[in-house]
Every structure is written in structure tokens, then in C-alpha cells.
């Protein structure tokens, strides 16, 4: 074989190897390949099992964060674990969530061969960015320092909110506002601090980044600006907050009866989907076994699914429909 031909062969082979190399964060890998993504909520104790008085049966069912982490690791069909516990009282929920993350790390969430890979990356909700982006940035930094792989912005109503949140997910060396601390994140990702700093940037702004942002629109004000929001570079997944939007489209009539505007609610969901398609952003949805195939057919490709048998059934249905 001629030297030039040999060099070309080596070059092509090298490119193919890079393109085929798996990512640390499988969610990023699937999105980059334009494949559907299926995740489940983190397992939780029954209502009433965290503090306060609870029935004896519920008290017996209470598990520690480490035990819940073990349950999460035992379920292997989902592409990620989703946690919404810090959407409200983040300071109160953070210590418990930190123990959950320690449990994941202790249970072995990193596959070492043929290259490092998180088989249970964690995506978490953060408190609303507005009206105090600086405080929101501090919260986001604390969450990232625990080793999460994605941050979900809730109740977003403007492009500026998203931009402030995205900056908070990026180190200052990458043009962001994230503090230089890294906490326990490198250990959770199974790498050195230097390696973590190189990987912990925002995809797709950085093609080599392993962090991902999700942005949720769940109000009429957010819907009004949904195209401006979807146009922000750096959003990895855009979602309609279907559950919250359902409340927005529910009113009380003169007789005190609740009236649900199903047509308006569905139109809002489709409005977010249309913005996703226009700006080529993957669109997410909180699907169930009853509607996941329909939502996939409509164009949704990232799914947040409840923990439990019915949720696991939805994951199986979705993966089969996606040919995965």
C-alpha cells in the first residue's frame, strides 16, 4: 500500500474512532445522535415518610438516602435519574440529596471500560432563577459540586433568565460565572479535578462538554416568550411543564366548580413543541405508559417518567418504539 493511501486510511480510521467514542454522559451522547432519551424520577419514600408524624406502616417503609440510591442503581433501563426535590426549599433538600449522591458514588455509578461512563447520570431541578440570578447561581454551583450531570431551570419566562442560568453552569474560564470550587463532583464522575474541569462544561455550546441544561416553560408568560427562550444557544432540552400548565388552564366558575380547559392545555404543550422544532432543540415531556408513543409520534424525544412499575413499563414501551 502506498504511504499516502496508508496515511488516509489511518486518518479516516482515527476520525471514525473519535466519532464512535462513547461519552461520559449518555444523555449527551443520545441527544448528539438524535435518539430518544428515557429517564425516571429518583425513588423516594412514601409521602409522610420524611419528618413529621406518619402512619406506622409508612414509618416502616422509610429508607435512607443510601438505600434509595441502591434502588436507583438496581434499575438499569433508564438513561438518567431525575430529581425534583430541590425545586422549592433547596437548602432544606440539599443535605438529603447530597447523601443520595454519596450513595450512588459508593454503589459504583461509573463504568471504567472501555472508557469512563456514568450509567446513572443525575439531572436535577433548581429553584427559579428570577428574581435573583446571583442567588440562583450560588444554588446551581452547589448542585453541580455534588456531581450532577444536568440542571433543570423551572418556571422560565424570559431568555435572559436562561442566559443567566447557563452562565452559572460554566466555569469562569469558559466564560461563565460558576465559582472555581468543584466539591465532590470529580469523585462522583470518577476522575481527577483537572479532568473534571475539562469535562464539566455545557453541551452543546462546548461539543466536548458533559453537562446539560433543561429549561421548562410552565406559565402563560413563559409561553408568550417561548420562541425567544428556545432561540437561546446552550439549551439542551426544552420542556412544557405539563403538570403545572394543567393548573394554569384550570379555573373556578361562578358555582365554585373547577373547569379544565383541555384544548388550551394541549395547545400550550404543542406551542412549546413547535418552538423546539423551529430552533432544533430536543423537546421533553413527562410521559406515561398511556401516552408515550403518541408523544413520540408528535416529535417529543426526551421523557421524564415516574419511578415504579408503571413508569418502568413506559420506559420499555418507549425504548421499543425507538428501536433501542
Protein backbone atom coordinates (compact mmCIF):
# COMPACT_ATOMS: atom_id res chain seq x y z
CA UNK A 1 0.00 0.00 0.00
CA UNK A 2 1.30 3.48 -0.88
CA UNK A 3 2.28 5.76 2.03
CA UNK A 4 -0.34 8.39 1.07
CA UNK A 5 -3.10 5.80 0.94
CA UNK A 6 -1.93 4.38 4.26
CA UNK A 7 -1.99 7.84 5.86
CA UNK A 8 -5.50 8.46 4.52
CA UNK A 9 -6.64 5.14 5.91
CA UNK A 10 -5.19 5.93 9.33
CA UNK A 11 -6.80 9.40 9.28
CA UNK A 12 -10.22 8.06 8.36
CA UNK A 13 -9.92 5.34 10.97
CA UNK A 14 -8.94 7.89 13.59
CA UNK A 15 -11.91 10.12 12.76
CA UNK A 16 -14.26 7.16 12.92
CA UNK A 17 -12.85 6.17 16.28
CA UNK A 18 -13.40 9.67 17.68
CA UNK A 19 -16.95 9.82 16.31
CA UNK A 20 -17.74 6.42 17.73
CA UNK A 21 -16.20 7.10 21.14
CA UNK A 22 -18.80 6.95 23.88
CA UNK A 23 -19.43 9.93 26.11
CA UNK A 24 -19.16 10.14 29.86
CA UNK A 25 -22.76 11.40 29.95
CA UNK A 26 -25.02 9.01 27.97
CA UNK A 27 -27.76 11.64 27.77
CA UNK A 28 -25.44 13.93 25.81
CA UNK A 29 -24.41 11.02 23.61
CA UNK A 30 -28.02 10.12 22.78
CA UNK A 31 -29.00 13.72 22.10
CA UNK A 32 -25.97 14.22 19.85
CA UNK A 33 -27.07 11.13 17.92
CA UNK A 34 -30.67 12.47 17.81
CA UNK A 35 -32.00 9.42 19.61
CA UNK A 36 -34.87 9.41 22.12
CA UNK A 37 -33.93 9.59 25.79
CA UNK A 38 -35.80 7.94 28.67
CA UNK A 39 -35.28 8.72 32.35
CA UNK A 40 -37.07 8.10 35.63
CA UNK A 41 -37.58 10.08 38.81
CA UNK A 42 -35.32 9.09 41.68
CA UNK A 43 -37.00 6.64 44.05
CA UNK A 44 -38.46 8.32 47.13
CA UNK A 45 -40.06 7.36 50.38
CA UNK A 46 -43.88 7.29 50.59
CA UNK A 47 -45.50 10.61 51.42
CA UNK A 48 -45.26 11.24 55.12
CA UNK A 49 -42.08 9.24 55.42
CA UNK A 50 -39.82 12.28 55.73
CA UNK A 51 -40.27 14.03 59.07
CA UNK A 52 -43.47 14.75 60.94
CA UNK A 53 -46.00 12.22 62.12
CA UNK A 54 -46.59 9.31 59.78
CA UNK A 55 -48.63 6.10 59.95
CA UNK A 56 -46.79 3.13 61.38
CA UNK A 57 -46.84 1.33 58.02
CA UNK A 58 -45.26 4.33 56.34
CA UNK A 59 -42.62 4.61 59.05
CA UNK A 60 -41.61 1.01 58.44
CA UNK A 61 -41.19 1.73 54.71
CA UNK A 62 -38.82 4.67 55.17
CA UNK A 63 -35.44 4.16 53.52
CA UNK A 64 -32.23 6.09 53.96
CA UNK A 65 -30.84 8.11 51.02
CA UNK A 66 -28.16 5.43 50.61
CA UNK A 67 -30.82 2.72 50.34
CA UNK A 68 -32.77 4.78 47.80
CA UNK A 69 -29.54 5.23 45.83
CA UNK A 70 -29.12 1.45 45.85
CA UNK A 71 -32.65 1.07 44.45
CA UNK A 72 -31.85 3.57 41.70
CA UNK A 73 -28.69 1.70 40.74
CA UNK A 74 -30.61 -1.60 40.60
CA UNK A 75 -32.85 -0.25 37.85
CA UNK A 76 -30.72 -0.22 34.72
CA UNK A 77 -33.11 0.50 31.84
CA UNK A 78 -33.31 4.28 32.21
CA UNK A 79 -30.81 6.66 30.62
CA UNK A 80 -30.75 9.00 33.63
CA UNK A 81 -32.15 9.67 37.10
CA UNK A 82 -34.29 12.79 37.58
CA UNK A 83 -34.63 14.56 40.94
CA UNK A 84 -37.04 17.41 41.63
CA UNK A 85 -36.61 17.64 45.40
CA UNK A 86 -34.65 20.92 45.31
CA UNK A 87 -37.12 22.93 43.24
CA UNK A 88 -38.65 24.51 46.35
CA UNK A 89 -36.66 24.58 49.59
CA UNK A 90 -33.26 23.88 48.08
CA UNK A 91 -31.35 24.50 51.33
CA UNK A 92 -33.55 22.05 53.20
CA UNK A 93 -33.44 19.39 50.49
CA UNK A 94 -29.75 19.70 49.60
CA UNK A 95 -28.30 17.72 52.55
CA UNK A 96 -30.59 14.73 51.89
CA UNK A 97 -29.83 14.85 48.18
CA UNK A 98 -26.09 15.01 48.95
CA UNK A 99 -26.43 11.73 50.85
CA UNK A 100 -28.25 10.23 47.88
CA UNK A 101 -25.38 11.22 45.59
CA UNK A 102 -22.88 9.72 48.04
CA UNK A 103 -24.88 6.52 47.88
CA UNK A 104 -24.72 6.47 44.10
CA UNK A 105 -20.97 7.05 44.13
CA UNK A 106 -20.42 4.36 46.76
CA UNK A 107 -22.52 1.92 44.74
CA UNK A 108 -20.39 2.49 41.65
CA UNK A 109 -22.06 4.75 39.10
CA UNK A 110 -19.06 4.92 36.73
CA UNK A 111 -18.25 2.23 34.18
CA UNK A 112 -14.49 2.17 33.65
CA UNK A 113 -14.16 0.15 30.45
CA UNK A 114 -13.69 0.70 27.57
CA UNK A 115 -13.86 4.37 28.64
CA UNK A 116 -15.39 6.16 31.66
CA UNK A 117 -19.16 6.41 31.52
CA UNK A 118 -21.86 7.40 34.02
CA UNK A 119 -24.54 4.75 33.82
CA UNK A 120 -26.86 6.71 36.16
CA UNK A 121 -26.26 10.41 35.41
CA UNK A 122 -28.41 12.64 37.59
CA UNK A 123 -30.48 15.57 36.30
CA UNK A 124 -31.87 17.91 38.97
CA UNK A 125 -34.30 20.78 39.19
CA UNK A 126 -33.07 24.03 40.65
CA UNK A 127 -35.10 26.83 42.19
CA UNK A 128 -36.38 29.60 39.90
CA UNK A 129 -33.64 31.83 38.52
CA UNK A 130 -35.72 35.00 38.71
CA UNK A 131 -35.90 37.34 40.53
CA UNK A 132 -32.35 36.88 41.91
CA UNK A 133 -29.96 35.43 39.29
CA UNK A 134 -26.94 35.87 41.58
CA UNK A 135 -28.52 33.77 44.32
CA UNK A 136 -29.66 31.24 41.72
CA UNK A 137 -26.07 30.96 40.50
CA UNK A 138 -24.90 30.10 44.02
CA UNK A 139 -27.53 27.36 44.25
CA UNK A 140 -26.60 25.94 40.85
CA UNK A 141 -22.93 25.89 41.84
CA UNK A 142 -23.75 23.91 44.99
CA UNK A 143 -25.73 21.37 42.98
CA UNK A 144 -23.01 20.96 40.37
CA UNK A 145 -20.43 20.45 43.12
CA UNK A 146 -22.34 17.31 44.15
CA UNK A 147 -21.63 15.69 40.79
CA UNK A 148 -24.92 16.10 38.95
CA UNK A 149 -24.86 15.92 35.16
CA UNK A 150 -27.62 18.37 34.36
CA UNK A 151 -29.57 21.31 35.79
CA UNK A 152 -33.24 21.98 35.06
CA UNK A 153 -34.44 25.59 35.09
CA UNK A 154 -38.10 25.76 36.19
CA UNK A 155 -40.75 28.39 35.54
CA UNK A 156 -38.67 30.18 32.92
CA UNK A 157 -40.33 33.26 31.45
CA UNK A 158 -37.55 35.05 29.55
CA UNK A 159 -34.44 34.45 27.50
CA UNK A 160 -32.41 36.48 30.00
CA UNK A 161 -33.27 34.02 32.78
CA UNK A 162 -31.93 31.17 30.67
CA UNK A 163 -28.76 33.04 29.79
CA UNK A 164 -28.05 33.80 33.45
CA UNK A 165 -28.62 30.15 34.38
CA UNK A 166 -26.44 28.84 31.58
CA UNK A 167 -23.62 31.15 32.67
CA UNK A 168 -23.95 29.74 36.21
CA UNK A 169 -23.32 26.25 34.84
CA UNK A 170 -19.99 27.24 33.25
CA UNK A 171 -16.68 27.95 34.95
CA UNK A 172 -15.30 31.47 34.60
CA UNK A 173 -12.53 30.05 32.41
CA UNK A 174 -15.28 29.09 29.94
CA UNK A 175 -16.96 32.49 30.07
CA UNK A 176 -19.43 31.63 32.83
CA UNK A 177 -20.00 32.62 36.43
CA UNK A 178 -19.61 29.27 38.23
CA UNK A 179 -17.21 29.51 41.20
CA UNK A 180 -13.92 27.61 40.96
CA UNK A 181 -14.91 25.08 43.62
CA UNK A 182 -15.79 21.56 42.44
CA UNK A 183 -16.76 19.83 45.68
CA UNK A 184 -17.17 16.08 45.40
CA UNK A 185 -18.07 16.19 41.70
CA UNK A 186 -14.73 14.80 40.39
CA UNK A 187 -15.03 11.76 42.65
CA UNK A 188 -18.62 11.13 41.52
CA UNK A 189 -17.51 11.33 37.90
CA UNK A 190 -14.56 9.05 38.62
CA UNK A 191 -11.81 11.45 37.60
CA UNK A 192 -9.26 13.96 38.85
CA UNK A 193 -10.14 17.58 39.48
CA UNK A 194 -8.24 18.62 36.36
CA UNK A 195 -10.12 16.09 34.25
CA UNK A 196 -13.43 17.19 35.74
CA UNK A 197 -12.78 20.86 34.96
CA UNK A 198 -12.10 19.92 31.34
CA UNK A 199 -15.31 17.86 31.06
CA UNK A 200 -17.70 19.93 33.20
CA UNK A 201 -18.80 22.38 30.55
CA UNK A 202 -22.10 22.90 28.82
CA UNK A 203 -23.09 20.85 25.79
CA UNK A 204 -23.82 21.79 23.02
CA UNK A 205 -22.05 25.14 23.47
CA UNK A 206 -18.93 23.08 24.05
CA UNK A 207 -19.10 19.94 21.85
CA UNK A 208 -16.86 18.16 24.38
CA UNK A 209 -18.88 19.25 27.42
CA UNK A 210 -20.68 16.67 29.57
CA UNK A 211 -23.13 18.95 31.39
CA UNK A 212 -26.61 19.55 30.01
CA UNK A 213 -29.30 22.14 30.64
CA UNK A 214 -33.03 21.55 30.60
CA UNK A 215 -35.40 24.52 30.52
CA UNK A 216 -39.07 24.27 31.49
CA UNK A 217 -41.79 26.65 30.32
CA UNK A 218 -44.86 26.38 32.55
CA UNK A 219 -46.73 29.68 32.60
CA UNK A 220 -48.65 31.88 30.18
CA UNK A 221 -45.89 34.48 30.44
CA UNK A 222 -43.33 31.83 29.52
CA UNK A 223 -45.48 30.70 26.59
CA UNK A 224 -45.61 34.29 25.38
CA UNK A 225 -41.80 34.29 25.12
CA UNK A 226 -41.24 30.64 24.26
CA UNK A 227 -39.66 31.36 20.85
CA UNK A 228 -37.17 33.79 22.39
CA UNK A 229 -36.38 31.19 25.04
CA UNK A 230 -35.96 28.36 22.52
CA UNK A 231 -33.58 30.52 20.48
CA UNK A 232 -31.04 30.75 23.34
CA UNK A 233 -27.93 28.77 22.43
CA UNK A 234 -26.99 26.26 25.08
CA UNK A 235 -30.35 24.78 25.98
CA UNK A 236 -30.04 21.01 25.72
CA UNK A 237 -33.72 20.15 26.22
CA UNK A 238 -36.82 22.37 26.28
CA UNK A 239 -39.95 21.11 28.02
CA UNK A 240 -43.52 22.20 28.63
CA UNK A 241 -44.25 21.88 32.35
CA UNK A 242 -47.32 19.86 31.50
CA UNK A 243 -48.43 19.26 35.10
CA UNK A 244 -48.09 22.91 36.10
CA UNK A 245 -49.62 24.10 32.83
CA UNK A 246 -52.63 21.92 33.55
CA UNK A 247 -53.19 24.02 36.66
CA UNK A 248 -52.76 27.21 34.67
CA UNK A 249 -55.55 26.11 32.37
CA UNK A 250 -57.84 25.19 35.25
CA UNK A 251 -60.21 27.83 36.61
CA UNK A 252 -63.13 28.06 39.04
CA UNK A 253 -66.56 29.02 37.70
CA UNK A 254 -69.23 31.10 39.46
CA UNK A 255 -70.57 27.98 41.18
CA UNK A 256 -67.17 27.16 42.64
CA UNK A 257 -66.65 24.23 40.30
CA UNK A 258 -63.23 23.58 38.77
CA UNK A 259 -63.21 23.89 34.99
CA UNK A 260 -60.35 22.43 32.96
CA UNK A 261 -59.54 23.85 29.53
CA UNK A 262 -58.15 20.68 27.92
CA UNK A 263 -57.93 22.32 24.49
CA UNK A 264 -55.94 25.27 25.81
CA UNK A 265 -53.66 22.99 27.81
CA UNK A 266 -52.85 20.82 24.81
CA UNK A 267 -52.34 23.90 22.64
CA UNK A 268 -49.78 25.16 25.16
CA UNK A 269 -47.91 21.87 25.05
CA UNK A 270 -47.88 21.96 21.26
CA UNK A 271 -46.71 25.59 21.31
CA UNK A 272 -43.58 24.56 23.19
CA UNK A 273 -43.06 21.63 20.82
CA UNK A 274 -43.37 23.96 17.81
CA UNK A 275 -40.66 26.23 19.27
CA UNK A 276 -38.44 23.20 19.81
CA UNK A 277 -38.83 22.16 16.20
CA UNK A 278 -38.29 25.70 14.88
CA UNK A 279 -35.00 26.13 16.75
CA UNK A 280 -33.88 22.49 16.55
CA UNK A 281 -33.93 21.87 20.30
CA UNK A 282 -34.85 18.41 21.67
CA UNK A 283 -38.27 18.60 23.32
CA UNK A 284 -39.11 16.82 26.56
CA UNK A 285 -42.33 15.56 28.11
CA UNK A 286 -43.42 13.86 31.39
CA UNK A 287 -44.83 10.77 29.71
CA UNK A 288 -46.69 7.71 30.98
CA UNK A 289 -47.25 4.26 29.52
CA UNK A 290 -50.57 5.56 28.15
CA UNK A 291 -49.22 8.42 26.06
CA UNK A 292 -45.51 7.94 25.41
CA UNK A 293 -45.94 6.51 21.91
CA UNK A 294 -48.31 9.32 20.94
CA UNK A 295 -45.91 11.97 22.23
CA UNK A 296 -43.01 10.33 20.39
CA UNK A 297 -45.04 10.41 17.19
CA UNK A 298 -45.69 14.14 17.73
CA UNK A 299 -41.96 14.83 17.96
CA UNK A 300 -41.09 14.74 21.66
CA UNK A 301 -37.83 12.88 22.22
CA UNK A 302 -36.81 13.27 25.88
CA UNK A 303 -39.04 11.71 28.52
CA UNK A 304 -39.29 12.15 32.29
CA UNK A 305 -41.12 9.17 33.77
CA UNK A 306 -42.32 8.30 37.26
CA UNK A 307 -40.49 5.74 39.36
CA UNK A 308 -42.30 2.41 39.80
CA UNK A 309 -43.74 -0.42 37.78
CA UNK A 310 -45.95 1.75 35.57
CA UNK A 311 -43.02 4.06 34.93
CA UNK A 312 -40.75 1.15 34.06
CA UNK A 313 -43.44 -0.05 31.66
CA UNK A 314 -43.41 3.38 29.95
CA UNK A 315 -39.63 3.17 29.56
CA UNK A 316 -39.93 -0.27 27.95
CA UNK A 317 -42.66 0.92 25.57
CA UNK A 318 -40.65 4.00 24.60
CA UNK A 319 -37.39 2.16 24.01
CA UNK A 320 -39.16 -0.46 21.90
CA UNK A 321 -40.84 2.23 19.81
CA UNK A 322 -37.46 3.94 19.38
CA UNK A 323 -35.79 0.72 18.29
CA UNK A 324 -33.42 0.86 21.25
